[in-house]
Amino acid sequence: QVQLVESGGGLVQAGGSLRLSCAASGRTFSAYTMGWFRQAPGKEREFVAGISFSGAMTLYIDSVKGRFTISRDNAKNTVYLQMNSLKPEDTAVYYCAASRSPMYSGRYPTESFFGSWGQGTQVTVSS
């Protein structure tokens, strides 16, 4: 299993931006599909974005398309989530996740697809 540590969360006004980072341990980072999930108070955790081993393929839920960008730097063992035009409904704890399985286009990975999780980082967007 890979160990994951998120950072970059915080409080921002609506319309602002944040960049989340997730640092992974180990020497095989490029062999993991990486994903970001979020969980708002009183709601289930939901998939937000995913990126394939090489970064060539990305997936996003509809509500963040055009505003969020997932990327990875395999040399730095890090995956990022750039969040622009933030809305109050983006407020949640954001989790980084890793999977040894490949991601397929058109199919949102479920929680069970990922075997490693970070501790989460809080993102709060004020109106």
Foldseek 3Di string as FASTA:
>chain_A
DKAKAKDWADEEAAQAKIKMKIAIDDLPLLLKKKFKWWDDPPGDIGTAKIAWSVRPDMDGDPVQPPFWDWGDDSVRRMIMIIGGRDDQVVWTWMKMFIASDGDDPPDGDDPVRTDYIYPTDTHGYHD
